[in-house]
Amino acid sequence: MNDLFSRMKQTLTADFYNVLDKMEQKNPISLLNQYLRQAEAETEKVRKLVERQYQLKAEFTKELAEAEGLAEKRKNQAKIAEKAGESELQAFAIQESELYSTRALRINEALLKSEKQLNELEYKYREMKHKLKDMNIRRMELMGKENLAHAHQRMNQVIDAGSTSSSSTGKFEDTENYLDNLEQRINSNYQRQSIDARIIQLEKDMKAEETHSIS
């Protein structure tokens, strides 16, 4: 069990920041997710050990109560046999009572030991859960840093007109050029339509004046 705790402690503490440093240089999020899955698996193992230790404690408690009860029962039976003059039955009851008493002492020691182990397991489990939570927070921090870095990279590619090799920049510049050309065509069409409309109106006005003069 000590070896297990030692391995888990190394997994969750000593190597954590060294691993993170390597992750940040390579592929931080995917490697960190893999590392967290391993840490979660180790934490789950401890959770199952805690659960099993509770079961052992319950079993020891049950066995202790049974042994103490039988020891007391045989003790009372020995007294009854003594009063009845049944020395052989008395001796058997005394022997049985002593055996159950010895067993109860042994079980009680095991129970105390199991309670101590349970406290250690629960402490380790709480510690591992806290560390796992800290690692998840660190993972979110790394994700934020990575997302920001990608966002800056994309924005720089889009905004920087000098980076002609960037497909994003090319698309952005093409869109700007298209908008410029479209605006020019619209303005030109508007001007032509405006001139045509003015000429037509002038022609109407002139015809109206001629008609008025003749009449």
N, C-alpha and C. Protein backbone atom coordinates (compact mmCIF):
# COMPACT_ATOMS: atom_id res chain seq x y z
N MET A 1 0.84 -1.20 0.00
CA MET A 1 0.00 0.00 0.00
C MET A 1 0.88 1.25 0.00
N ASN A 2 2.00 1.19 0.74
CA ASN A 2 2.91 2.33 0.74
C ASN A 2 3.49 2.57 -0.65
N ASP A 3 3.79 1.44 -1.37
CA ASP A 3 4.29 1.58 -2.73
C ASP A 3 3.25 2.23 -3.63
N LEU A 4 2.01 1.86 -3.43
CA LEU A 4 0.93 2.45 -4.23
C LEU A 4 0.82 3.94 -3.97
N PHE A 5 0.85 4.33 -2.68
CA PHE A 5 0.78 5.75 -2.34
C PHE A 5 1.96 6.51 -2.94
N SER A 6 3.15 5.88 -2.86
CA SER A 6 4.34 6.54 -3.38
C SER A 6 4.22 6.77 -4.88
N ARG A 7 3.74 5.77 -5.59
CA ARG A 7 3.58 5.89 -7.04
C ARG A 7 2.54 6.95 -7.39
N MET A 8 1.45 6.95 -6.64
CA MET A 8 0.40 7.94 -6.90
C MET A 8 0.88 9.35 -6.61
N LYS A 9 1.66 9.48 -5.55
CA LYS A 9 2.18 10.81 -5.19
C LYS A 9 3.11 11.32 -6.28
N GLN A 10 3.96 10.42 -6.81
CA GLN A 10 4.85 10.81 -7.89
C GLN A 10 4.06 11.20 -9.13
N THR A 11 2.99 10.44 -9.38
CA THR A 11 2.17 10.71 -10.56
C THR A 11 1.50 12.06 -10.48
N LEU A 12 1.07 12.43 -9.27
CA LEU A 12 0.23 13.62 -9.12
C LEU A 12 0.99 14.87 -8.69
N THR A 13 2.21 14.70 -8.18
CA THR A 13 2.90 15.89 -7.65
C THR A 13 4.26 16.13 -8.29
N ALA A 14 5.22 15.25 -8.03
CA ALA A 14 6.61 15.51 -8.36
C ALA A 14 6.84 15.79 -9.83
N ASP A 15 6.21 14.99 -10.69
CA ASP A 15 6.46 15.12 -12.12
C ASP A 15 5.52 16.08 -12.83
N PHE A 16 4.54 16.60 -12.11
CA PHE A 16 3.46 17.34 -12.79
C PHE A 16 3.98 18.56 -13.55
N TYR A 17 4.70 19.43 -12.87
CA TYR A 17 5.11 20.66 -13.52
C TYR A 17 6.21 20.42 -14.57
N ASN A 18 7.04 19.39 -14.36
CA ASN A 18 8.00 19.04 -15.39
C ASN A 18 7.30 18.59 -16.66
N VAL A 19 6.27 17.79 -16.48
CA VAL A 19 5.50 17.33 -17.63
C VAL A 19 4.82 18.50 -18.32
N LEU A 20 4.28 19.42 -17.53
CA LEU A 20 3.60 20.58 -18.12
C LEU A 20 4.56 21.42 -18.94
N ASP A 21 5.80 21.57 -18.45
CA ASP A 21 6.78 22.35 -19.21
C ASP A 21 7.02 21.73 -20.58
N LYS A 22 7.14 20.40 -20.60
CA LYS A 22 7.35 19.70 -21.87
C LYS A 22 6.11 19.83 -22.76
N MET A 23 4.95 19.77 -22.14
CA MET A 23 3.70 19.87 -22.89
C MET A 23 3.59 21.23 -23.58
N GLU A 24 3.93 22.28 -22.84
CA GLU A 24 3.78 23.62 -23.38
C GLU A 24 4.70 23.84 -24.57
N GLN A 25 5.79 23.07 -24.65
CA GLN A 25 6.72 23.20 -25.75
C GLN A 25 6.26 22.39 -26.96
N LYS A 26 5.43 21.40 -26.75
CA LYS A 26 5.03 20.51 -27.83
C LYS A 26 3.56 20.69 -28.17
N ASN A 27 2.71 19.83 -27.63
CA ASN A 27 1.27 19.91 -27.88
C ASN A 27 0.58 19.92 -26.54
N PRO A 28 0.43 21.08 -25.93
CA PRO A 28 0.05 21.16 -24.51
C PRO A 28 -1.29 20.54 -24.17
N ILE A 29 -2.32 20.82 -24.96
CA ILE A 29 -3.66 20.41 -24.55
C ILE A 29 -3.85 18.91 -24.68
N SER A 30 -3.48 18.32 -25.81
CA SER A 30 -3.71 16.89 -26.01
C SER A 30 -2.89 16.06 -25.03
N LEU A 31 -1.63 16.46 -24.82
CA LEU A 31 -0.79 15.72 -23.88
C LEU A 31 -1.27 15.90 -22.45
N LEU A 32 -1.71 17.09 -22.13
CA LEU A 32 -2.22 17.34 -20.78
C LEU A 32 -3.50 16.55 -20.52
N ASN A 33 -4.36 16.45 -21.53
CA ASN A 33 -5.57 15.65 -21.38
C ASN A 33 -5.23 14.19 -21.12
N GLN A 34 -4.22 13.70 -21.81
CA GLN A 34 -3.79 12.31 -21.60
C GLN A 34 -3.25 12.14 -20.18
N TYR A 35 -2.46 13.09 -19.73
CA TYR A 35 -1.90 13.02 -18.39
C TYR A 35 -3.00 13.09 -17.33
N LEU A 36 -3.99 13.93 -17.57
CA LEU A 36 -5.11 14.04 -16.62
C LEU A 36 -5.92 12.76 -16.56
N ARG A 37 -6.08 12.10 -17.69
CA ARG A 37 -6.80 10.82 -17.68
C ARG A 37 -6.08 9.79 -16.82
N GLN A 38 -4.76 9.79 -16.89
CA GLN A 38 -3.97 8.89 -16.04
C GLN A 38 -4.14 9.25 -14.57
N ALA A 39 -4.11 10.53 -14.27
CA ALA A 39 -4.28 10.97 -12.89
C ALA A 39 -5.67 10.64 -12.37
N GLU A 40 -6.67 10.79 -13.23
CA GLU A 40 -8.04 10.44 -12.84
C GLU A 40 -8.17 8.94 -12.57
N ALA A 41 -7.46 8.13 -13.36
CA ALA A 41 -7.49 6.68 -13.15
C ALA A 41 -6.87 6.32 -11.81
N GLU A 42 -5.75 6.97 -11.45
CA GLU A 42 -5.12 6.71 -10.16
C GLU A 42 -6.03 7.15 -9.02
N THR A 43 -6.70 8.29 -9.19
CA THR A 43 -7.62 8.77 -8.16
C THR A 43 -8.79 7.82 -7.98
N GLU A 44 -9.26 7.26 -9.07
CA GLU A 44 -10.36 6.30 -9.01
C GLU A 44 -9.94 5.03 -8.27
N LYS A 45 -8.68 4.63 -8.45
CA LYS A 45 -8.18 3.46 -7.72
C LYS A 45 -8.22 3.70 -6.21
N VAL A 46 -7.82 4.89 -5.81
CA VAL A 46 -7.84 5.21 -4.38
C VAL A 46 -9.28 5.27 -3.87
N ARG A 47 -10.18 5.81 -4.68
CA ARG A 47 -11.59 5.85 -4.27
C ARG A 47 -12.12 4.44 -4.01
N LYS A 48 -11.76 3.50 -4.87
CA LYS A 48 -12.20 2.12 -4.68
C LYS A 48 -11.56 1.50 -3.43
N LEU A 49 -10.31 1.88 -3.16
CA LEU A 49 -9.65 1.40 -1.94
C LEU A 49 -10.35 1.93 -0.70
N VAL A 50 -10.75 3.19 -0.75
CA VAL A 50 -11.49 3.77 0.38
C VAL A 50 -12.81 3.03 0.58
N GLU A 51 -13.49 2.76 -0.50
CA GLU A 51 -14.76 2.03 -0.43
C GLU A 51 -14.56 0.64 0.16
N ARG A 52 -13.52 -0.04 -0.30
CA ARG A 52 -13.22 -1.37 0.21
C ARG A 52 -12.84 -1.33 1.68
N GLN A 53 -12.12 -0.29 2.09
CA GLN A 53 -11.71 -0.17 3.48
C GLN A 53 -12.92 0.03 4.39
N TYR A 54 -13.91 0.77 3.92
CA TYR A 54 -15.16 0.92 4.68
C TYR A 54 -15.85 -0.43 4.85
N GLN A 55 -15.82 -1.24 3.81
CA GLN A 55 -16.42 -2.57 3.89
C GLN A 55 -15.68 -3.45 4.90
N LEU A 56 -14.35 -3.37 4.87
CA LEU A 56 -13.55 -4.14 5.83
C LEU A 56 -13.84 -3.70 7.26
N LYS A 57 -13.94 -2.40 7.45
CA LYS A 57 -14.25 -1.89 8.79
C LYS A 57 -15.59 -2.42 9.27
N ALA A 58 -16.58 -2.43 8.39
CA ALA A 58 -17.90 -2.95 8.75
C ALA A 58 -17.84 -4.44 9.08
N GLU A 59 -17.05 -5.18 8.30
CA GLU A 59 -16.92 -6.61 8.56
C GLU A 59 -16.21 -6.88 9.89
N PHE A 60 -15.15 -6.13 10.16
CA PHE A 60 -14.44 -6.29 11.44
C PHE A 60 -15.36 -5.95 12.61
N THR A 61 -16.14 -4.88 12.45
CA THR A 61 -17.07 -4.48 13.51
C THR A 61 -18.09 -5.58 13.78
N LYS A 62 -18.59 -6.17 12.72
CA LYS A 62 -19.56 -7.25 12.86
C LYS A 62 -18.94 -8.47 13.55
N GLU A 63 -17.73 -8.84 13.11
CA GLU A 63 -17.04 -10.00 13.70
C GLU A 63 -16.70 -9.75 15.17
N LEU A 64 -16.33 -8.51 15.49
CA LEU A 64 -15.99 -8.18 16.87
C LEU A 64 -17.21 -8.33 17.77
N ALA A 65 -18.33 -7.79 17.31
CA ALA A 65 -19.56 -7.90 18.11
C ALA A 65 -19.95 -9.36 18.31
N GLU A 66 -19.78 -10.16 17.27
CA GLU A 66 -20.13 -11.59 17.37
C GLU A 66 -19.20 -12.31 18.35
N ALA A 67 -17.90 -12.06 18.26
CA ALA A 67 -16.94 -12.72 19.15
C ALA A 67 -17.15 -12.31 20.60
N GLU A 68 -17.36 -11.02 20.84
CA GLU A 68 -17.60 -10.55 22.21
C GLU A 68 -18.90 -11.13 22.76
N GLY A 69 -19.91 -11.21 21.90
CA GLY A 69 -21.18 -11.78 22.34
C GLY A 69 -21.07 -13.24 22.71
N LEU A 70 -20.35 -14.02 21.91
CA LEU A 70 -20.17 -15.45 22.19
C LEU A 70 -19.29 -15.66 23.43
N ALA A 71 -18.28 -14.80 23.60
CA ALA A 71 -17.43 -14.91 24.79
C ALA A 71 -18.26 -14.69 26.05
N GLU A 72 -19.11 -13.68 26.03
CA GLU A 72 -19.97 -13.40 27.18
C GLU A 72 -20.98 -14.52 27.39
N LYS A 73 -21.50 -15.05 26.31
CA LYS A 73 -22.47 -16.15 26.40
C LYS A 73 -21.85 -17.38 27.05
N ARG A 74 -20.65 -17.78 26.60
CA ARG A 74 -19.97 -18.95 27.17
C ARG A 74 -19.58 -18.69 28.64
N LYS A 75 -19.26 -17.46 28.95
CA LYS A 75 -18.92 -17.12 30.34
C LYS A 75 -20.12 -17.34 31.25
N ASN A 76 -21.28 -16.89 30.81
CA ASN A 76 -22.50 -17.10 31.60
C ASN A 76 -22.87 -18.58 31.67
N GLN A 77 -22.66 -19.30 30.57
CA GLN A 77 -22.95 -20.73 30.57
C GLN A 77 -22.03 -21.49 31.53
N ALA A 78 -20.79 -21.03 31.65
CA ALA A 78 -19.86 -21.66 32.59
C ALA A 78 -20.34 -21.49 34.03
N LYS A 79 -20.89 -20.33 34.35
CA LYS A 79 -21.42 -20.09 35.69
C LYS A 79 -22.61 -21.00 35.97
N ILE A 80 -23.47 -21.15 34.97
CA ILE A 80 -24.62 -22.04 35.14
C ILE A 80 -24.17 -23.48 35.34
N ALA A 81 -23.18 -23.91 34.55
CA ALA A 81 -22.67 -25.29 34.68
C ALA A 81 -22.02 -25.50 36.04
N GLU A 82 -21.35 -24.45 36.55
CA GLU A 82 -20.71 -24.56 37.87
C GLU A 82 -21.76 -24.75 38.96
N LYS A 83 -22.85 -23.98 38.88
CA LYS A 83 -23.92 -24.10 39.87
C LYS A 83 -24.59 -25.47 39.80
N ALA A 84 -24.65 -26.01 38.58
CA ALA A 84 -25.30 -27.31 38.40
C ALA A 84 -24.36 -28.47 38.70
N GLY A 85 -23.11 -28.16 38.99
CA GLY A 85 -22.15 -29.21 39.29
C GLY A 85 -21.64 -29.94 38.06
N GLU A 86 -21.83 -29.36 36.91
CA GLU A 86 -21.34 -29.97 35.66
C GLU A 86 -19.94 -29.42 35.36
N SER A 87 -18.96 -30.02 35.98
CA SER A 87 -17.59 -29.53 35.85
C SER A 87 -17.05 -29.65 34.43
N GLU A 88 -17.38 -30.75 33.78
CA GLU A 88 -16.89 -30.94 32.40
C GLU A 88 -17.49 -29.90 31.46
N LEU A 89 -18.79 -29.67 31.59
CA LEU A 89 -19.45 -28.65 30.77
C LEU A 89 -18.95 -27.26 31.12
N GLN A 90 -18.66 -27.07 32.42
CA GLN A 90 -18.12 -25.78 32.86
C GLN A 90 -16.76 -25.52 32.23
N ALA A 91 -15.91 -26.53 32.21
CA ALA A 91 -14.57 -26.38 31.63
C ALA A 91 -14.64 -26.07 30.13
N PHE A 92 -15.55 -26.76 29.47
CA PHE A 92 -15.73 -26.51 28.03
C PHE A 92 -16.19 -25.08 27.77
N ALA A 93 -17.14 -24.61 28.56
CA ALA A 93 -17.67 -23.25 28.39
C ALA A 93 -16.60 -22.21 28.67
N ILE A 94 -15.78 -22.46 29.71
CA ILE A 94 -14.69 -21.52 30.04
C ILE A 94 -13.68 -21.47 28.90
N GLN A 95 -13.33 -22.65 28.38
CA GLN A 95 -12.37 -22.71 27.27
C GLN A 95 -12.90 -21.95 26.04
N GLU A 96 -14.17 -22.17 25.73
CA GLU A 96 -14.79 -21.48 24.60
C GLU A 96 -14.82 -19.96 24.83
N SER A 97 -15.14 -19.56 26.05
CA SER A 97 -15.19 -18.13 26.37
C SER A 97 -13.83 -17.48 26.18
N GLU A 98 -12.77 -18.18 26.61
CA GLU A 98 -11.42 -17.64 26.46
C GLU A 98 -11.02 -17.54 24.98
N LEU A 99 -11.41 -18.56 24.20
CA LEU A 99 -11.11 -18.53 22.77
C LEU A 99 -11.79 -17.35 22.08
N TYR A 100 -13.06 -17.15 22.41
CA TYR A 100 -13.79 -16.03 21.81
C TYR A 100 -13.24 -14.68 22.27
N SER A 101 -12.82 -14.62 23.55
CA SER A 101 -12.24 -13.37 24.07
C SER A 101 -10.93 -13.05 23.36
N THR A 102 -10.10 -14.09 23.16
CA THR A 102 -8.84 -13.90 22.43
C THR A 102 -9.10 -13.45 20.99
N ARG A 103 -10.10 -14.08 20.39
CA ARG A 103 -10.45 -13.70 19.02
C ARG A 103 -10.95 -12.25 18.97
N ALA A 104 -11.72 -11.87 19.97
CA ALA A 104 -12.25 -10.50 20.01
C ALA A 104 -11.12 -9.49 20.13
N LEU A 105 -10.10 -9.80 20.93
CA LEU A 105 -8.95 -8.91 21.05
C LEU A 105 -8.23 -8.76 19.72
N ARG A 106 -8.05 -9.89 19.04
CA ARG A 106 -7.37 -9.86 17.74
C ARG A 106 -8.18 -9.05 16.72
N ILE A 107 -9.48 -9.29 16.71
CA ILE A 107 -10.33 -8.55 15.77
C ILE A 107 -10.33 -7.06 16.10
N ASN A 108 -10.33 -6.73 17.39
CA ASN A 108 -10.32 -5.33 17.79
C ASN A 108 -9.05 -4.63 17.32
N GLU A 109 -7.91 -5.32 17.42
CA GLU A 109 -6.65 -4.76 16.93
C GLU A 109 -6.72 -4.53 15.42
N ALA A 110 -7.28 -5.53 14.72
CA ALA A 110 -7.42 -5.39 13.26
C ALA A 110 -8.36 -4.24 12.92
N LEU A 111 -9.40 -4.07 13.70
CA LEU A 111 -10.36 -2.99 13.47
C LEU A 111 -9.70 -1.63 13.65
N LEU A 112 -8.92 -1.50 14.73
CA LEU A 112 -8.22 -0.23 14.96
C LEU A 112 -7.23 0.06 13.83
N LYS A 113 -6.55 -0.97 13.37
CA LYS A 113 -5.60 -0.81 12.27
C LYS A 113 -6.33 -0.41 10.98
N SER A 114 -7.47 -1.05 10.74
CA SER A 114 -8.23 -0.72 9.53
C SER A 114 -8.76 0.71 9.58
N GLU A 115 -9.14 1.17 10.77
CA GLU A 115 -9.61 2.55 10.91
C GLU A 115 -8.48 3.54 10.63
N LYS A 116 -7.28 3.21 11.09
CA LYS A 116 -6.13 4.06 10.82
C LYS A 116 -5.83 4.09 9.32
N GLN A 117 -5.87 2.92 8.69
CA GLN A 117 -5.64 2.85 7.25
C GLN A 117 -6.72 3.62 6.48
N LEU A 118 -7.94 3.53 6.98
CA LEU A 118 -9.04 4.25 6.33
C LEU A 118 -8.82 5.75 6.40
N ASN A 119 -8.37 6.24 7.54
CA ASN A 119 -8.09 7.67 7.68
C ASN A 119 -7.00 8.11 6.71
N GLU A 120 -5.96 7.25 6.57
CA GLU A 120 -4.88 7.57 5.64
C GLU A 120 -5.38 7.59 4.20
N LEU A 121 -6.20 6.60 3.87
CA LEU A 121 -6.74 6.52 2.51
C LEU A 121 -7.62 7.73 2.20
N GLU A 122 -8.46 8.09 3.16
CA GLU A 122 -9.34 9.24 2.94
C GLU A 122 -8.54 10.52 2.79
N TYR A 123 -7.48 10.66 3.56
CA TYR A 123 -6.62 11.84 3.44
C TYR A 123 -5.97 11.88 2.05
N LYS A 124 -5.43 10.73 1.62
CA LYS A 124 -4.81 10.67 0.31
C LYS A 124 -5.81 10.96 -0.79
N TYR A 125 -7.00 10.41 -0.63
CA TYR A 125 -8.04 10.61 -1.65
C TYR A 125 -8.43 12.08 -1.76
N ARG A 126 -8.61 12.73 -0.61
CA ARG A 126 -8.94 14.16 -0.63
C ARG A 126 -7.81 14.97 -1.27
N GLU A 127 -6.57 14.60 -0.91
CA GLU A 127 -5.42 15.31 -1.46
C GLU A 127 -5.35 15.15 -2.98
N MET A 128 -5.59 13.92 -3.44
CA MET A 128 -5.53 13.66 -4.87
C MET A 128 -6.65 14.39 -5.62
N LYS A 129 -7.84 14.46 -5.01
CA LYS A 129 -8.94 15.18 -5.65
C LYS A 129 -8.62 16.66 -5.77
N HIS A 130 -8.01 17.23 -4.73
CA HIS A 130 -7.63 18.64 -4.79
C HIS A 130 -6.59 18.87 -5.88
N LYS A 131 -5.61 17.98 -5.95
CA LYS A 131 -4.56 18.14 -6.96
C LYS A 131 -5.14 17.97 -8.36
N LEU A 132 -6.08 17.03 -8.49
CA LEU A 132 -6.72 16.83 -9.78
C LEU A 132 -7.50 18.08 -10.20
N LYS A 133 -8.18 18.69 -9.23
CA LYS A 133 -8.90 19.93 -9.51
C LYS A 133 -7.93 21.03 -9.94
N ASP A 134 -6.79 21.13 -9.24
CA ASP A 134 -5.79 22.14 -9.60
C ASP A 134 -5.27 21.91 -11.01
N MET A 135 -5.07 20.63 -11.36
CA MET A 135 -4.58 20.32 -12.70
C MET A 135 -5.61 20.66 -13.77
N ASN A 136 -6.88 20.45 -13.47
CA ASN A 136 -7.93 20.82 -14.42
C ASN A 136 -7.98 22.33 -14.62
N ILE A 137 -7.77 23.07 -13.53
CA ILE A 137 -7.72 24.53 -13.64
C ILE A 137 -6.52 24.95 -14.49
N ARG A 138 -5.38 24.28 -14.25
CA ARG A 138 -4.18 24.58 -15.05
C ARG A 138 -4.44 24.26 -16.53
N ARG A 139 -5.18 23.17 -16.77
CA ARG A 139 -5.52 22.81 -18.15
C ARG A 139 -6.35 23.92 -18.81
N MET A 140 -7.32 24.45 -18.08
CA MET A 140 -8.14 25.52 -18.63
C MET A 140 -7.31 26.77 -18.89
N GLU A 141 -6.34 27.03 -18.00
CA GLU A 141 -5.45 28.17 -18.21
C GLU A 141 -4.65 27.99 -19.50
N LEU A 142 -4.13 26.77 -19.69
CA LEU A 142 -3.36 26.49 -20.90
C LEU A 142 -4.24 26.61 -22.15
N MET A 143 -5.48 26.14 -22.04
CA MET A 143 -6.40 26.25 -23.17
C MET A 143 -6.64 27.71 -23.52
N GLY A 144 -6.80 28.55 -22.48
CA GLY A 144 -6.98 29.97 -22.72
C GLY A 144 -5.78 30.59 -23.40
N LYS A 145 -4.58 30.22 -22.94
CA LYS A 145 -3.36 30.73 -23.55
C LYS A 145 -3.24 30.28 -25.00
N GLU A 146 -3.55 29.00 -25.24
CA GLU A 146 -3.45 28.47 -26.59
C GLU A 146 -4.47 29.13 -27.52
N ASN A 147 -5.70 29.28 -27.04
CA ASN A 147 -6.72 29.93 -27.86
C ASN A 147 -6.34 31.37 -28.19
N LEU A 148 -5.80 32.07 -27.19
CA LEU A 148 -5.38 33.46 -27.43
C LEU A 148 -4.26 33.53 -28.44
N ALA A 149 -3.31 32.58 -28.32
CA ALA A 149 -2.19 32.56 -29.27
C ALA A 149 -2.68 32.30 -30.68
N HIS A 150 -3.61 31.34 -30.82
CA HIS A 150 -4.16 31.06 -32.15
C HIS A 150 -4.93 32.26 -32.69
N ALA A 151 -5.68 32.91 -31.80
CA ALA A 151 -6.46 34.07 -32.24
C ALA A 151 -5.55 35.19 -32.73
N HIS A 152 -4.48 35.46 -31.98
CA HIS A 152 -3.53 36.49 -32.40
C HIS A 152 -2.88 36.11 -33.73
N GLN A 153 -2.55 34.85 -33.86
CA GLN A 153 -1.91 34.40 -35.09
C GLN A 153 -2.83 34.59 -36.29
N ARG A 154 -4.10 34.20 -36.12
CA ARG A 154 -5.05 34.35 -37.21
C ARG A 154 -5.29 35.83 -37.54
N MET A 155 -5.43 36.64 -36.49
CA MET A 155 -5.66 38.07 -36.72
C MET A 155 -4.48 38.71 -37.42
N ASN A 156 -3.27 38.33 -37.01
CA ASN A 156 -2.09 38.88 -37.66
C ASN A 156 -2.02 38.47 -39.12
N GLN A 157 -2.41 37.23 -39.41
CA GLN A 157 -2.41 36.77 -40.79
C GLN A 157 -3.43 37.53 -41.63
N VAL A 158 -4.59 37.81 -41.01
CA VAL A 158 -5.66 38.49 -41.75
C VAL A 158 -5.34 39.96 -41.96
N ILE A 159 -4.83 40.61 -40.91
CA ILE A 159 -4.63 42.06 -40.96
C ILE A 159 -3.34 42.45 -41.67
N ASP A 160 -2.31 41.67 -41.51
CA ASP A 160 -1.01 42.01 -42.07
C ASP A 160 -1.02 41.81 -43.58
N ALA A 161 -1.11 42.89 -44.33
CA ALA A 161 -1.18 42.79 -45.80
C ALA A 161 0.13 42.34 -46.40
N GLY A 162 1.21 42.46 -45.64
CA GLY A 162 2.50 42.06 -46.16
C GLY A 162 2.69 40.56 -46.24
N SER A 163 1.88 39.81 -45.52
CA SER A 163 2.02 38.35 -45.52
C SER A 163 1.24 37.77 -46.68
N THR A 164 1.75 37.91 -47.87
CA THR A 164 1.03 37.47 -49.07
C THR A 164 0.94 35.96 -49.16
N SER A 165 1.76 35.26 -48.41
CA SER A 165 1.72 33.80 -48.46
C SER A 165 0.56 33.23 -47.68
N SER A 166 -0.06 34.06 -46.86
CA SER A 166 -1.16 33.57 -46.03
C SER A 166 -2.44 33.49 -46.83
N SER A 167 -3.11 32.35 -46.78
CA SER A 167 -4.38 32.19 -47.48
C SER A 167 -5.44 33.08 -46.88
N SER A 168 -5.40 33.23 -45.54
CA SER A 168 -6.38 34.10 -44.89
C SER A 168 -6.21 35.54 -45.34
N THR A 169 -4.94 35.97 -45.45
CA THR A 169 -4.69 37.33 -45.90
C THR A 169 -5.17 37.52 -47.33
N GLY A 170 -4.90 36.55 -48.17
CA GLY A 170 -5.34 36.62 -49.56
C GLY A 170 -6.85 36.75 -49.66
N LYS A 171 -7.55 35.96 -48.87
CA LYS A 171 -9.01 36.02 -48.88
C LYS A 171 -9.50 37.38 -48.40
N PHE A 172 -8.83 37.90 -47.39
CA PHE A 172 -9.24 39.19 -46.85
C PHE A 172 -9.02 40.29 -47.87
N GLU A 173 -7.85 40.26 -48.51
CA GLU A 173 -7.55 41.27 -49.52
C GLU A 173 -8.48 41.14 -50.72
N ASP A 174 -8.78 39.91 -51.13
CA ASP A 174 -9.70 39.71 -52.24
C ASP A 174 -11.07 40.28 -51.92
N THR A 175 -11.50 40.08 -50.69
CA THR A 175 -12.80 40.61 -50.28
C THR A 175 -12.81 42.13 -50.30
N GLU A 176 -11.71 42.72 -49.81
CA GLU A 176 -11.63 44.19 -49.83
C GLU A 176 -11.64 44.72 -51.26
N ASN A 177 -10.88 44.05 -52.14
CA ASN A 177 -10.84 44.48 -53.55
C ASN A 177 -12.20 44.34 -54.20
N TYR A 178 -12.88 43.25 -53.88
CA TYR A 178 -14.21 43.04 -54.45
C TYR A 178 -15.18 44.14 -54.01
N LEU A 179 -15.10 44.48 -52.71
CA LEU A 179 -15.97 45.54 -52.20
C LEU A 179 -15.66 46.88 -52.86
N ASP A 180 -14.36 47.16 -53.06
CA ASP A 180 -13.98 48.41 -53.72
C ASP A 180 -14.53 48.46 -55.15
N ASN A 181 -14.35 47.37 -55.88
CA ASN A 181 -14.84 47.32 -57.27
C ASN A 181 -16.36 47.43 -57.32
N LEU A 182 -17.01 46.73 -56.38
CA LEU A 182 -18.47 46.77 -56.35
C LEU A 182 -18.97 48.18 -56.07
N GLU A 183 -18.29 48.86 -55.15
CA GLU A 183 -18.68 50.23 -54.83
C GLU A 183 -18.50 51.15 -56.03
N GLN A 184 -17.40 50.95 -56.75
CA GLN A 184 -17.16 51.77 -57.94
C GLN A 184 -18.22 51.54 -59.01
N ARG A 185 -18.59 50.25 -59.21
CA ARG A 185 -19.61 49.94 -60.21
C ARG A 185 -20.96 50.54 -59.83
N ILE A 186 -21.29 50.43 -58.55
CA ILE A 186 -22.56 50.99 -58.09
C ILE A 186 -22.59 52.50 -58.26
N ASN A 187 -21.47 53.16 -57.88
CA ASN A 187 -21.41 54.61 -58.03
C ASN A 187 -21.51 55.03 -59.50
N SER A 188 -20.81 54.26 -60.35
CA SER A 188 -20.83 54.57 -61.78
C SER A 188 -22.23 54.39 -62.36
N ASN A 189 -22.88 53.30 -62.00
CA ASN A 189 -24.25 53.07 -62.47
C ASN A 189 -25.20 54.15 -61.96
N TYR A 190 -25.00 54.54 -60.72
CA TYR A 190 -25.86 55.58 -60.15
C TYR A 190 -25.69 56.89 -60.89
N GLN A 191 -24.42 57.21 -61.20
CA GLN A 191 -24.16 58.46 -61.91
C GLN A 191 -24.79 58.44 -63.31
N ARG A 192 -24.64 57.27 -64.01
CA ARG A 192 -25.21 57.18 -65.35
C ARG A 192 -26.73 57.29 -65.29
N GLN A 193 -27.31 56.58 -64.34
CA GLN A 193 -28.76 56.63 -64.22
C GLN A 193 -29.23 58.04 -63.84
N SER A 194 -28.45 58.70 -63.01
CA SER A 194 -28.80 60.06 -62.60
C SER A 194 -28.75 61.03 -63.78
N ILE A 195 -27.71 60.90 -64.63
CA ILE A 195 -27.59 61.76 -65.81
C ILE A 195 -28.74 61.50 -66.78
N ASP A 196 -29.03 60.21 -67.03
CA ASP A 196 -30.12 59.87 -67.94
C ASP A 196 -31.44 60.45 -67.45
N ALA A 197 -31.67 60.35 -66.16
CA ALA A 197 -32.92 60.86 -65.60
C ALA A 197 -33.01 62.37 -65.76
N ARG A 198 -31.91 63.06 -65.57
CA ARG A 198 -31.91 64.52 -65.70
C ARG A 198 -32.15 64.94 -67.15
N ILE A 199 -31.52 64.22 -68.10
CA ILE A 199 -31.72 64.54 -69.52
C ILE A 199 -33.17 64.34 -69.92
N ILE A 200 -33.74 63.21 -69.48
CA ILE A 200 -35.16 62.94 -69.79
C ILE A 200 -36.05 64.04 -69.24
N GLN A 201 -35.77 64.48 -68.02
CA GLN A 201 -36.57 65.53 -67.41
C GLN A 201 -36.44 66.86 -68.16
N LEU A 202 -35.19 67.13 -68.61
CA LEU A 202 -34.97 68.35 -69.38
C LEU A 202 -35.75 68.31 -70.69
N GLU A 203 -35.73 67.14 -71.36
CA GLU A 203 -36.47 67.00 -72.60
C GLU A 203 -37.96 67.23 -72.39
N LYS A 204 -38.50 66.71 -71.32
CA LYS A 204 -39.91 66.89 -71.00
C LYS A 204 -40.22 68.37 -70.76
N ASP A 205 -39.33 69.02 -70.02
CA ASP A 205 -39.55 70.44 -69.72
C ASP A 205 -39.53 71.28 -71.01
N MET A 206 -38.57 70.94 -71.90
CA MET A 206 -38.45 71.68 -73.15
C MET A 206 -39.69 71.49 -74.02
N LYS A 207 -40.19 70.26 -74.11
CA LYS A 207 -41.38 69.99 -74.90
C LYS A 207 -42.59 70.72 -74.32
N ALA A 208 -42.64 70.76 -73.03
CA ALA A 208 -43.76 71.45 -72.38
C ALA A 208 -43.73 72.93 -72.69
N GLU A 209 -42.53 73.53 -72.70
CA GLU A 209 -42.40 74.95 -73.01
C GLU A 209 -42.79 75.24 -74.46
N GLU A 210 -42.37 74.33 -75.39
CA GLU A 210 -42.70 74.51 -76.80
C GLU A 210 -44.22 74.47 -77.00
N THR A 211 -44.85 73.53 -76.37
CA THR A 211 -46.30 73.40 -76.49
C THR A 211 -47.00 74.64 -75.94
N HIS A 212 -46.50 75.13 -74.87
CA HIS A 212 -47.09 76.31 -74.26
C HIS A 212 -46.92 77.54 -75.15
N SER A 213 -45.75 77.65 -75.83
CA SER A 213 -45.48 78.79 -76.70
C SER A 213 -46.39 78.77 -77.93
N ILE A 214 -46.60 77.59 -78.51
CA ILE A 214 -47.44 77.46 -79.71
C ILE A 214 -48.88 77.81 -79.40
N SER A 215 -49.34 77.39 -78.25
CA SER A 215 -50.72 77.68 -77.89
C SER A 215 -50.88 79.15 -77.51
